[in-house]
Amino acid sequence: MIYLIIIFTILFFILAWLRLDWAVMFLIATMPSYLIRFNILNIPSTLLEVMIWSVFLVWIIANWTRIKANIAECFKKNNKKIKIHYPFDWEIILLLLVSFAAAGVAGFSPSALGIWKAYFFEPILFFIVVFNIIQKEQGKNKILLALAMSAFLVSLLAIYQKFTGALIDNPLWATEATRRVVSFFGYPNAVGLYLGPIILILVGLLTELFKNIKKDQTFNFQILKINFIVVSIVCSLLAIYFAKSKGAMIGVVVGLFVFGLIIWKKVRWATITVALIILAGIVIYQPARNLVVENITLNNLSGQIRIIGWQESWEMLKDSRLLIGAGLANYQTAVRQYHQPGFFYNRDDDPNFHRQTVFNANYRQTHWQPLEIYLYPHNIVLNFWSELGLAGVLLFIWIIGKYFVLGITNYKLQTTNYKYLNIGLICAMVAIVTHGIVDVPYFKNDLAVMFWLLVAMMSLINFETK
């Protein structure tokens, strides 16, 4: 295995040296490669991390003279040259400091430092590379096509799993009656977390392609791109549905709704009309109404599990951890003393549920739901709070807020060909935040890289509209 890793690293480094943009495209298309894990000098690493370091080192080497001159220029006294601030420069510096301090809260354990490296430091390195090499329309198209290819590959395996049950380790998810696909990942929700934002970006790209189709001289290639994007979107939607990831489905729907409100006036009214019709149908049709109410109020099993997890997390934070959190990779240890082993779940909507759980031992046994301690609280605010402390959660709220401000600014000032891509990027973050209410949309190697890829693309559009 290690020899294959070495051979791959050498070949990828050569590719990056010859064509850095192609190497970046390959990295984006294969973001789930973080699942290939190994040790380098007893330091845990992944194939995705190797590729990030490769493209970053090649970029540094190829641009060292310019980078050194720019750094020296910044420190000159009485420098009258106009300095252009790096996008999210202070936010990035603060995030690296806050996240490293959070590793310190966890005692700088190997797992904490590994999380800091994989979820913060390396994704920011990738952000720097993307921002500096993808500054033309052709470069952005390469990034987007790489995302489409990644979504297509992930969803293709998920669709195959749906119809065969193969390559699903969990027996419950593999069984046909209760099947939930996992694609390359270890659990179904990871499919939705990965594909949801990409779908919204591709919808923006598809709108852009349709808008400019008459202007493009390479008409046949344009049609080919449109067909591929459509196939990627459809397959991704099917994969999320087959994964039964409700949070991702809701996130995509909310993102599409926002997209429809922003894009054109006619589409805006059509979106509102369709939403009102669907809402009326839900109100009138009782089974649909009950299902929606159950999911919104988190009255189902997964909702109840999450509510208990949130309560435990809040109790942990209140107990002298409001400022510092639990520390990176330390949540399970910190929350353990507040964890309850399980709860009685009224899965049958039994009106005598409470009486039965008190007086009927067999009933208690059949309705007992054990609870495990998850890696994170499964809420975007509590996730950041528990890992990074109060400063960390406030900083991420600021970063996401600034992202939306840039998106709105781009939309108002937009005179280039990125108007609909910009809307897609806005809606992708909407999907991330929406899904993040009940899940973990950042603390995973591929999701952290994707988050900073979105920030880089939004920053590039803003940089070019000034």
Protein backbone atom coordinates (compact mmCIF):
# COMPACT_ATOMS: atom_id res chain seq x y z
CA MET A 1 0.00 0.00 0.00
CA ILE A 2 2.70 2.49 0.99
CA TYR A 3 4.53 1.93 -2.29
CA LEU A 4 1.39 2.77 -4.25
CA ILE A 5 1.03 5.95 -2.17
CA ILE A 6 4.64 6.93 -2.93
CA ILE A 7 4.19 6.29 -6.66
CA PHE A 8 0.94 8.28 -6.70
CA THR A 9 2.54 11.18 -4.82
CA ILE A 10 5.46 11.36 -7.27
CA LEU A 11 3.15 11.26 -10.29
CA PHE A 12 0.78 13.84 -8.81
CA PHE A 13 3.68 16.16 -7.95
CA ILE A 14 4.89 15.89 -11.55
CA LEU A 15 1.38 16.69 -12.80
CA ALA A 16 1.22 19.71 -10.46
CA TRP A 17 4.61 20.91 -11.69
CA LEU A 18 3.62 20.60 -15.35
CA ARG A 19 -0.03 21.71 -15.08
CA LEU A 20 -0.97 23.07 -11.68
CA ASP A 21 -4.55 23.81 -12.79
CA TRP A 22 -5.06 20.19 -13.83
CA ALA A 23 -3.70 18.99 -10.50
CA VAL A 24 -6.15 21.27 -8.67
CA MET A 25 -8.99 19.92 -10.84
CA PHE A 26 -7.98 16.34 -10.03
CA LEU A 27 -7.84 17.16 -6.32
CA ILE A 28 -11.34 18.67 -6.38
CA ALA A 29 -12.77 15.76 -8.36
CA THR A 30 -11.33 13.29 -5.84
CA MET A 31 -12.00 15.04 -2.51
CA PRO A 32 -13.36 11.79 -0.99
CA SER A 33 -9.79 10.45 -1.32
CA TYR A 34 -9.33 11.49 2.32
CA LEU A 35 -10.73 8.03 3.04
CA ILE A 36 -7.38 6.56 1.95
CA ARG A 37 -5.43 6.90 5.19
CA PHE A 38 -1.83 6.08 6.12
CA ASN A 39 1.03 7.29 8.33
CA ILE A 40 4.03 9.40 7.35
CA LEU A 41 6.75 9.14 10.03
CA ASN A 42 4.01 8.02 12.45
CA ILE A 43 1.92 11.10 11.58
CA PRO A 44 -1.59 10.20 10.33
CA SER A 45 -2.27 11.51 6.84
CA THR A 46 -4.61 11.02 3.89
CA LEU A 47 -4.31 11.04 0.14
CA LEU A 48 -6.24 14.32 0.02
CA GLU A 49 -3.70 15.95 2.34
CA VAL A 50 -0.82 14.74 0.17
CA MET A 51 -2.41 16.38 -2.86
CA ILE A 52 -3.02 19.66 -0.99
CA TRP A 53 0.62 19.83 0.10
CA SER A 54 1.79 18.97 -3.40
CA VAL A 55 -0.14 21.77 -5.13
CA PHE A 56 0.79 24.25 -2.41
CA LEU A 57 4.51 23.46 -2.57
CA VAL A 58 4.52 23.63 -6.37
CA TRP A 59 2.76 27.00 -6.24
CA ILE A 60 5.25 28.29 -3.63
CA ILE A 61 8.27 27.11 -5.63
CA ALA A 62 6.98 28.43 -8.94
CA ASN A 63 6.12 31.85 -7.48
CA TRP A 64 8.75 32.21 -4.77
CA THR A 65 10.42 35.31 -6.21
CA ARG A 66 7.13 37.18 -6.52
CA ILE A 67 5.88 36.01 -3.12
CA LYS A 68 9.14 37.06 -1.41
CA ALA A 69 9.04 40.47 -3.11
CA ASN A 70 5.40 41.03 -2.09
CA ILE A 71 6.14 40.13 1.52
CA ALA A 72 9.16 42.46 1.60
CA GLU A 73 7.07 45.25 0.04
CA CYS A 74 4.47 44.96 2.79
CA PHE A 75 7.06 45.65 5.49
CA LYS A 76 8.66 48.68 3.85
CA LYS A 77 8.18 51.95 5.69
CA ASN A 78 6.37 54.79 3.97
CA ASN A 79 5.28 52.46 1.19
CA LYS A 80 2.98 54.51 -1.03
CA LYS A 81 1.94 51.59 -3.22
CA ILE A 82 -1.71 50.66 -3.04
CA LYS A 83 -2.04 47.52 -0.98
CA ILE A 84 -4.87 45.14 -1.88
CA HIS A 85 -6.03 43.14 1.10
CA TYR A 86 -6.12 39.38 0.71
CA PRO A 87 -9.72 38.13 0.94
CA PHE A 88 -10.56 37.00 4.47
CA ASP A 89 -6.96 37.74 5.50
CA TRP A 90 -7.60 38.70 9.12
CA GLU A 91 -10.29 36.04 9.45
CA ILE A 92 -7.83 33.39 8.28
CA ILE A 93 -5.11 34.54 10.69
CA LEU A 94 -7.56 34.63 13.60
CA LEU A 95 -9.00 31.22 12.69
CA LEU A 96 -5.56 29.60 12.61
CA LEU A 97 -4.75 31.13 16.00
CA VAL A 98 -8.11 30.26 17.58
CA SER A 99 -8.10 26.70 16.22
CA PHE A 100 -4.50 26.16 17.37
CA ALA A 101 -5.47 27.45 20.82
CA ALA A 102 -8.38 24.97 20.76
CA ALA A 103 -5.84 22.21 20.14
CA GLY A 104 -4.06 23.54 23.23
CA VAL A 105 -7.28 23.26 25.24
CA ALA A 106 -7.24 19.56 24.31
CA GLY A 107 -3.63 19.31 25.51
CA PHE A 108 -2.11 19.33 22.00
CA SER A 109 -2.97 15.66 21.71
CA PRO A 110 -2.06 13.93 18.42
CA SER A 111 -5.75 13.77 17.48
CA ALA A 112 -6.24 17.49 18.23
CA LEU A 113 -3.22 18.49 16.15
CA GLY A 114 -4.37 16.15 13.39
CA ILE A 115 -7.77 17.83 13.34
CA TRP A 116 -6.15 21.28 13.29
CA LYS A 117 -3.98 20.25 10.37
CA ALA A 118 -6.69 18.55 8.32
CA TYR A 119 -9.69 20.81 9.01
CA PHE A 120 -8.09 24.25 9.26
CA PHE A 121 -4.46 24.61 8.17
CA GLU A 122 -4.53 22.52 4.98
CA PRO A 123 -7.93 23.73 3.68
CA ILE A 124 -6.65 27.31 4.07
CA LEU A 125 -3.50 26.37 2.11
CA PHE A 126 -5.79 25.11 -0.62
CA PHE A 127 -7.82 28.33 -0.45
CA ILE A 128 -4.61 30.29 -1.11
CA VAL A 129 -3.69 28.14 -4.11
CA VAL A 130 -7.16 28.30 -5.67
CA PHE A 131 -7.42 32.06 -5.23
CA ASN A 132 -4.05 32.63 -6.89
CA ILE A 133 -4.27 30.30 -9.88
CA ILE A 134 -7.97 30.37 -10.82
CA GLN A 135 -8.43 33.99 -11.79
CA LYS A 136 -9.86 33.66 -15.27
CA GLU A 137 -13.24 32.50 -16.58
CA GLN A 138 -11.64 29.39 -18.07
CA GLY A 139 -10.09 28.59 -14.69
CA LYS A 140 -13.42 28.88 -12.92
CA ASN A 141 -15.03 26.58 -15.48
CA LYS A 142 -12.36 23.96 -14.77
CA ILE A 143 -13.10 24.13 -11.05
CA LEU A 144 -16.83 23.79 -11.67
CA LEU A 145 -16.44 20.88 -14.08
CA ALA A 146 -14.22 19.15 -11.52
CA LEU A 147 -16.96 19.60 -8.90
CA ALA A 148 -19.51 18.20 -11.37
CA MET A 149 -17.29 15.18 -12.02
CA SER A 150 -16.84 14.60 -8.28
CA ALA A 151 -20.61 14.76 -7.71
CA PHE A 152 -21.20 12.41 -10.64
CA LEU A 153 -18.74 9.79 -9.34
CA VAL A 154 -20.06 9.94 -5.77
CA SER A 155 -23.70 9.73 -6.88
CA LEU A 156 -23.02 7.00 -9.45
CA LEU A 157 -21.70 4.67 -6.75
CA ALA A 158 -24.65 5.58 -4.51
CA ILE A 159 -27.15 4.70 -7.27
CA TYR A 160 -25.34 1.40 -7.85
CA GLN A 161 -25.60 0.63 -4.13
CA LYS A 162 -29.32 1.41 -4.16
CA PHE A 163 -30.08 -1.25 -6.75
CA THR A 164 -27.59 -3.89 -5.60
CA GLY A 165 -27.03 -3.36 -1.87
CA ALA A 166 -23.31 -3.90 -2.51
CA LEU A 167 -20.49 -2.07 -0.71
CA ILE A 168 -22.68 -1.07 2.27
CA ASP A 169 -21.09 -2.40 5.46
CA ASN A 170 -23.98 -1.69 7.83
CA PRO A 171 -26.47 -4.61 7.58
CA LEU A 172 -29.46 -2.37 8.38
CA TRP A 173 -28.59 0.06 5.58
CA ALA A 174 -27.75 -2.79 3.18
CA THR A 175 -31.07 -4.60 3.67
CA GLU A 176 -33.44 -3.78 0.81
CA ALA A 177 -36.38 -2.78 3.01
CA THR A 178 -34.30 -0.26 5.01
CA ARG A 179 -31.58 0.51 2.48
CA ARG A 180 -29.65 3.76 2.74
CA VAL A 181 -26.74 4.33 0.38
CA VAL A 182 -23.36 5.58 1.61
CA SER A 183 -21.35 5.88 -1.66
CA PHE A 184 -17.64 6.10 -0.78
CA PHE A 185 -18.43 7.28 2.75
CA GLY A 186 -19.18 5.34 5.89
CA TYR A 187 -22.65 6.71 6.61
CA PRO A 188 -25.64 8.00 4.58
CA ASN A 189 -25.73 11.62 5.76
CA ALA A 190 -22.21 12.12 4.42
CA VAL A 191 -23.65 11.72 0.92
CA GLY A 192 -26.04 14.63 1.47
CA LEU A 193 -23.45 16.78 3.23
CA TYR A 194 -21.13 16.43 0.26
CA LEU A 195 -23.56 16.63 -2.65
CA GLY A 196 -26.03 19.24 -1.35
CA PRO A 197 -23.84 22.35 -1.81
CA ILE A 198 -22.47 21.08 -5.13
CA ILE A 199 -26.00 20.75 -6.54
CA LEU A 200 -26.69 24.44 -5.89
CA ILE A 201 -23.39 25.50 -7.46
CA LEU A 202 -24.13 23.39 -10.53
CA VAL A 203 -27.61 24.89 -10.82
CA GLY A 204 -25.95 28.32 -10.95
CA LEU A 205 -23.47 27.08 -13.56
CA LEU A 206 -26.25 25.50 -15.63
CA THR A 207 -28.16 28.78 -15.66
CA GLU A 208 -24.96 30.56 -16.72
CA LEU A 209 -24.40 28.10 -19.56
CA PHE A 210 -27.96 28.43 -20.84
CA LYS A 211 -27.71 32.20 -20.72
CA ASN A 212 -24.50 32.29 -22.75
CA ILE A 213 -25.14 29.40 -25.12
CA LYS A 214 -25.80 31.63 -28.15
CA LYS A 215 -22.61 33.60 -27.53
CA ASP A 216 -20.34 30.57 -27.38
CA GLN A 217 -18.58 29.68 -30.60
CA THR A 218 -17.85 26.14 -29.46
CA PHE A 219 -21.53 25.28 -29.56
CA ASN A 220 -21.15 21.48 -29.56
CA PHE A 221 -18.84 21.50 -26.55
CA GLN A 222 -21.26 23.83 -24.76
CA ILE A 223 -24.12 21.39 -25.33
CA LEU A 224 -21.92 18.57 -24.04
CA LYS A 225 -21.15 20.53 -20.87
CA ILE A 226 -24.84 21.31 -20.31
CA ASN A 227 -25.81 17.65 -20.68
CA PHE A 228 -23.07 16.57 -18.26
CA ILE A 229 -24.10 19.17 -15.67
CA VAL A 230 -27.76 18.10 -15.95
CA VAL A 231 -26.81 14.44 -15.49
CA SER A 232 -24.63 15.31 -12.48
CA ILE A 233 -27.45 17.29 -10.84
CA VAL A 234 -30.06 14.58 -11.42
CA CYS A 235 -27.76 11.79 -10.19
CA SER A 236 -26.83 13.84 -7.12
CA LEU A 237 -30.48 14.44 -6.26
CA LEU A 238 -31.18 10.72 -6.62
CA ALA A 239 -28.18 9.86 -4.43
CA ILE A 240 -29.38 12.17 -1.65
CA TYR A 241 -32.88 10.68 -1.90
CA PHE A 242 -31.52 7.13 -1.79
CA ALA A 243 -29.38 8.06 1.22
CA LYS A 244 -32.59 9.27 2.92
CA SER A 245 -30.72 12.30 4.20
CA LYS A 246 -33.59 14.54 5.27
CA GLY A 247 -31.32 17.38 6.35
CA ALA A 248 -29.67 17.46 2.92
CA MET A 249 -33.01 17.30 1.12
CA ILE A 250 -34.34 20.22 3.14
CA GLY A 251 -31.09 22.12 2.61
CA VAL A 252 -31.28 21.68 -1.16
CA VAL A 253 -34.97 22.67 -1.24
CA VAL A 254 -34.30 25.81 0.80
CA GLY A 255 -31.32 26.61 -1.43
CA LEU A 256 -33.40 26.18 -4.59
CA PHE A 257 -36.14 28.33 -3.09
CA VAL A 258 -33.65 31.13 -2.40
CA PHE A 259 -32.24 30.68 -5.91
CA GLY A 260 -35.72 31.12 -7.38
CA LEU A 261 -36.33 34.25 -5.29
CA ILE A 262 -33.10 35.87 -6.46
CA ILE A 263 -32.66 34.94 -10.09
CA TRP A 264 -35.39 36.68 -12.17
CA LYS A 265 -38.65 38.46 -11.40
CA LYS A 266 -40.78 35.94 -13.36
CA VAL A 267 -39.03 33.01 -11.72
CA ARG A 268 -39.43 34.71 -8.33
CA TRP A 269 -43.22 34.82 -8.66
CA ALA A 270 -43.30 31.27 -10.03
CA THR A 271 -41.21 30.12 -7.05
CA ILE A 272 -43.53 31.81 -4.56
CA THR A 273 -46.59 30.36 -6.32
CA VAL A 274 -45.20 26.82 -6.32
CA ALA A 275 -44.19 27.17 -2.67
CA LEU A 276 -47.71 28.32 -1.71
CA ILE A 277 -49.29 25.44 -3.64
CA ILE A 278 -47.01 22.91 -1.92
CA LEU A 279 -47.70 24.51 1.46
CA ALA A 280 -51.46 24.36 0.86
CA GLY A 281 -51.16 20.70 -0.14
CA ILE A 282 -49.27 19.90 3.03
CA VAL A 283 -51.87 21.68 5.18
CA ILE A 284 -54.77 19.91 3.46
CA TYR A 285 -53.26 16.40 3.22
CA GLN A 286 -53.03 15.13 6.80
CA PRO A 287 -50.31 12.42 6.34
CA ALA A 288 -48.04 15.00 4.70
CA ARG A 289 -48.88 17.54 7.40
CA ASN A 290 -48.08 15.06 10.15
CA LEU A 291 -44.79 14.13 8.49
CA VAL A 292 -43.71 17.76 8.10
CA VAL A 293 -44.72 18.67 11.67
CA GLU A 294 -42.90 15.61 13.01
CA ASN A 295 -39.67 16.57 11.22
CA ILE A 296 -39.85 20.31 11.95
CA THR A 297 -40.55 19.74 15.64
CA LEU A 298 -37.90 16.97 15.74
CA ASN A 299 -40.45 14.62 17.22
CA ASN A 300 -39.11 11.60 15.34
CA LEU A 301 -36.35 9.29 16.55
CA SER A 302 -33.41 11.10 14.92
CA GLY A 303 -34.81 14.44 16.10
CA GLN A 304 -35.15 13.24 19.68
CA ILE A 305 -31.59 11.91 19.62
CA ARG A 306 -30.32 15.26 18.39
CA ILE A 307 -32.27 17.24 21.00
CA ILE A 308 -30.78 15.14 23.78
CA GLY A 309 -27.32 15.58 22.26
CA TRP A 310 -27.80 19.35 22.13
CA GLN A 311 -28.93 19.40 25.77
CA GLU A 312 -25.89 17.39 26.84
CA SER A 313 -23.59 19.68 24.83
CA TRP A 314 -25.09 22.79 26.36
CA GLU A 315 -24.74 21.36 29.87
CA MET A 316 -21.10 20.62 29.12
CA LEU A 317 -20.47 24.12 27.78
CA LYS A 318 -22.21 25.82 30.71
CA ASP A 319 -20.01 23.95 33.15
CA SER A 320 -16.96 26.28 32.86
CA ARG A 321 -16.49 25.71 29.10
CA LEU A 322 -18.49 28.57 27.60
CA LEU A 323 -15.33 30.43 26.59
CA ILE A 324 -12.88 27.66 25.75
CA GLY A 325 -15.18 24.86 24.57
CA ALA A 326 -14.12 21.25 24.81
CA GLY A 327 -11.07 21.61 22.56
CA LEU A 328 -10.36 20.00 19.21
CA ALA A 329 -11.20 16.30 19.04
CA ASN A 330 -12.11 16.36 22.75
CA TYR A 331 -15.91 16.61 22.62
CA GLN A 332 -16.60 12.94 23.37
CA THR A 333 -14.38 13.04 26.45
CA ALA A 334 -15.75 16.36 27.71
CA VAL A 335 -19.43 15.46 27.28
CA ARG A 336 -19.18 11.94 28.68
CA GLN A 337 -20.07 12.91 32.25
CA TYR A 338 -23.24 14.67 31.00
CA HIS A 339 -24.28 11.84 28.70
CA GLN A 340 -27.39 9.77 29.33
CA PRO A 341 -27.17 6.13 28.19
CA GLY A 342 -30.58 6.14 26.49
CA PHE A 343 -34.23 7.13 26.64
CA PHE A 344 -37.69 5.66 26.18
CA TYR A 345 -39.04 6.46 22.72
CA ASN A 346 -42.77 6.39 21.96
CA ARG A 347 -42.39 5.01 18.44
CA ASP A 348 -46.00 3.78 18.31
CA ASP A 349 -47.62 7.02 19.51
CA ASP A 350 -49.09 5.06 22.40
CA PRO A 351 -51.36 7.34 24.48
CA ASN A 352 -50.52 5.23 27.57
CA PHE A 353 -46.80 5.43 26.91
CA HIS A 354 -45.77 7.02 30.23
CA ARG A 355 -47.90 4.66 32.30
CA GLN A 356 -46.54 1.63 30.43
CA THR A 357 -42.92 2.68 30.90
CA VAL A 358 -43.50 2.98 34.64
CA PHE A 359 -45.36 -0.29 35.31
CA ASN A 360 -44.46 -2.64 32.41
CA ALA A 361 -40.90 -4.00 32.37
CA ASN A 362 -41.28 -5.71 28.97
CA TYR A 363 -42.66 -2.48 27.49
CA ARG A 364 -39.68 -0.54 28.84
CA GLN A 365 -37.30 -3.03 27.27
CA THR A 366 -38.89 -2.84 23.81
CA HIS A 367 -39.10 0.96 23.83
CA TRP A 368 -35.64 1.68 25.21
CA GLN A 369 -33.39 3.56 22.78
CA PRO A 370 -29.65 3.43 23.60
CA LEU A 371 -27.63 6.57 22.89
CA GLU A 372 -24.03 6.72 21.76
CA ILE A 373 -21.70 9.66 22.17
CA TYR A 374 -21.17 11.17 18.74
CA LEU A 375 -18.04 12.97 17.58
CA TYR A 376 -19.91 16.30 17.46
CA PRO A 377 -23.20 17.77 18.76
CA HIS A 378 -24.78 17.76 15.26
CA ASN A 379 -25.61 21.45 15.21
CA ILE A 380 -23.50 23.98 13.33
CA VAL A 381 -23.34 26.45 16.24
CA LEU A 382 -22.70 23.84 18.93
CA ASN A 383 -20.18 22.06 16.68
CA PHE A 384 -17.97 25.15 16.41
CA TRP A 385 -18.61 26.19 20.00
CA SER A 386 -17.61 22.84 21.46
CA GLU A 387 -14.53 22.52 19.22
CA LEU A 388 -13.26 26.12 19.09
CA GLY A 389 -14.89 27.87 22.02
CA LEU A 390 -16.91 31.10 21.96
CA ALA A 391 -14.32 32.99 19.88
CA GLY A 392 -14.37 30.24 17.28
CA VAL A 393 -18.14 30.12 16.85
CA LEU A 394 -18.35 33.93 16.64
CA LEU A 395 -15.54 33.96 14.08
CA PHE A 396 -17.29 31.40 11.88
CA ILE A 397 -20.56 33.32 12.13
CA TRP A 398 -18.60 36.36 10.95
CA ILE A 399 -16.97 34.42 8.06
CA ILE A 400 -20.29 33.02 6.86
CA GLY A 401 -21.96 36.41 7.26
CA LYS A 402 -19.16 38.10 5.29
CA TYR A 403 -19.54 35.42 2.60
CA PHE A 404 -23.21 36.34 2.18
CA VAL A 405 -22.38 40.06 2.18
CA LEU A 406 -19.85 39.50 -0.61
CA GLY A 407 -22.44 37.48 -2.52
CA ILE A 408 -25.03 40.25 -2.25
CA THR A 409 -22.42 42.85 -3.21
CA ASN A 410 -21.39 40.79 -6.23
CA TYR A 411 -25.02 40.45 -7.27
CA LYS A 412 -25.61 44.20 -7.11
CA LEU A 413 -22.40 45.10 -8.95
CA GLN A 414 -22.33 42.18 -11.34
CA THR A 415 -21.56 43.10 -14.93
CA THR A 416 -19.58 39.98 -15.86
CA ASN A 417 -20.58 36.43 -16.73
CA TYR A 418 -20.60 35.21 -13.13
CA LYS A 419 -24.00 36.49 -12.01
CA TYR A 420 -25.73 33.11 -11.81
CA LEU A 421 -22.67 31.31 -10.50
CA ASN A 422 -22.60 33.90 -7.72
CA ILE A 423 -26.24 33.11 -6.90
CA GLY A 424 -25.40 29.40 -6.90
CA LEU A 425 -22.58 30.02 -4.42
CA ILE A 426 -24.92 32.00 -2.15
CA CYS A 427 -27.46 29.18 -2.21
CA ALA A 428 -24.78 26.53 -1.64
CA MET A 429 -23.92 28.22 1.66
CA VAL A 430 -27.64 28.48 2.44
CA ALA A 431 -27.86 24.69 1.99
CA ILE A 432 -24.80 24.17 4.22
CA VAL A 433 -26.22 26.33 7.02
CA THR A 434 -29.71 24.78 6.73
CA HIS A 435 -28.39 21.23 6.83
CA GLY A 436 -26.02 22.29 9.60
CA ILE A 437 -28.93 22.89 11.96
CA VAL A 438 -29.09 19.11 12.47
CA ASP A 439 -25.72 17.86 11.26
CA VAL A 440 -21.97 18.51 10.94
CA PRO A 441 -21.30 20.35 7.65
CA TYR A 442 -17.66 21.33 8.30
CA PHE A 443 -15.73 18.93 10.53
CA LYS A 444 -14.72 16.41 7.89
CA ASN A 445 -11.74 16.55 5.54
CA ASP A 446 -13.65 16.94 2.29
CA LEU A 447 -16.26 19.29 3.75
CA ALA A 448 -13.62 21.63 5.21
CA VAL A 449 -11.86 21.78 1.84
CA MET A 450 -15.18 22.40 0.07
CA PHE A 451 -16.08 25.19 2.50
CA TRP A 452 -12.86 27.08 1.74
CA LEU A 453 -13.22 26.34 -1.97
CA LEU A 454 -16.60 28.12 -1.87
CA VAL A 455 -15.04 31.03 0.04
CA ALA A 456 -12.23 31.23 -2.53
CA MET A 457 -14.64 31.29 -5.48
CA MET A 458 -16.85 33.93 -3.85
CA SER A 459 -13.75 35.99 -3.09
CA LEU A 460 -12.55 35.70 -6.70
CA ILE A 461 -15.85 36.95 -8.08
CA ASN A 462 -15.82 39.85 -5.63
CA PHE A 463 -12.19 40.61 -6.47
CA GLU A 464 -13.02 40.83 -10.18
CA THR A 465 -16.11 43.00 -9.74
CA LYS A 466 -14.21 45.77 -7.94
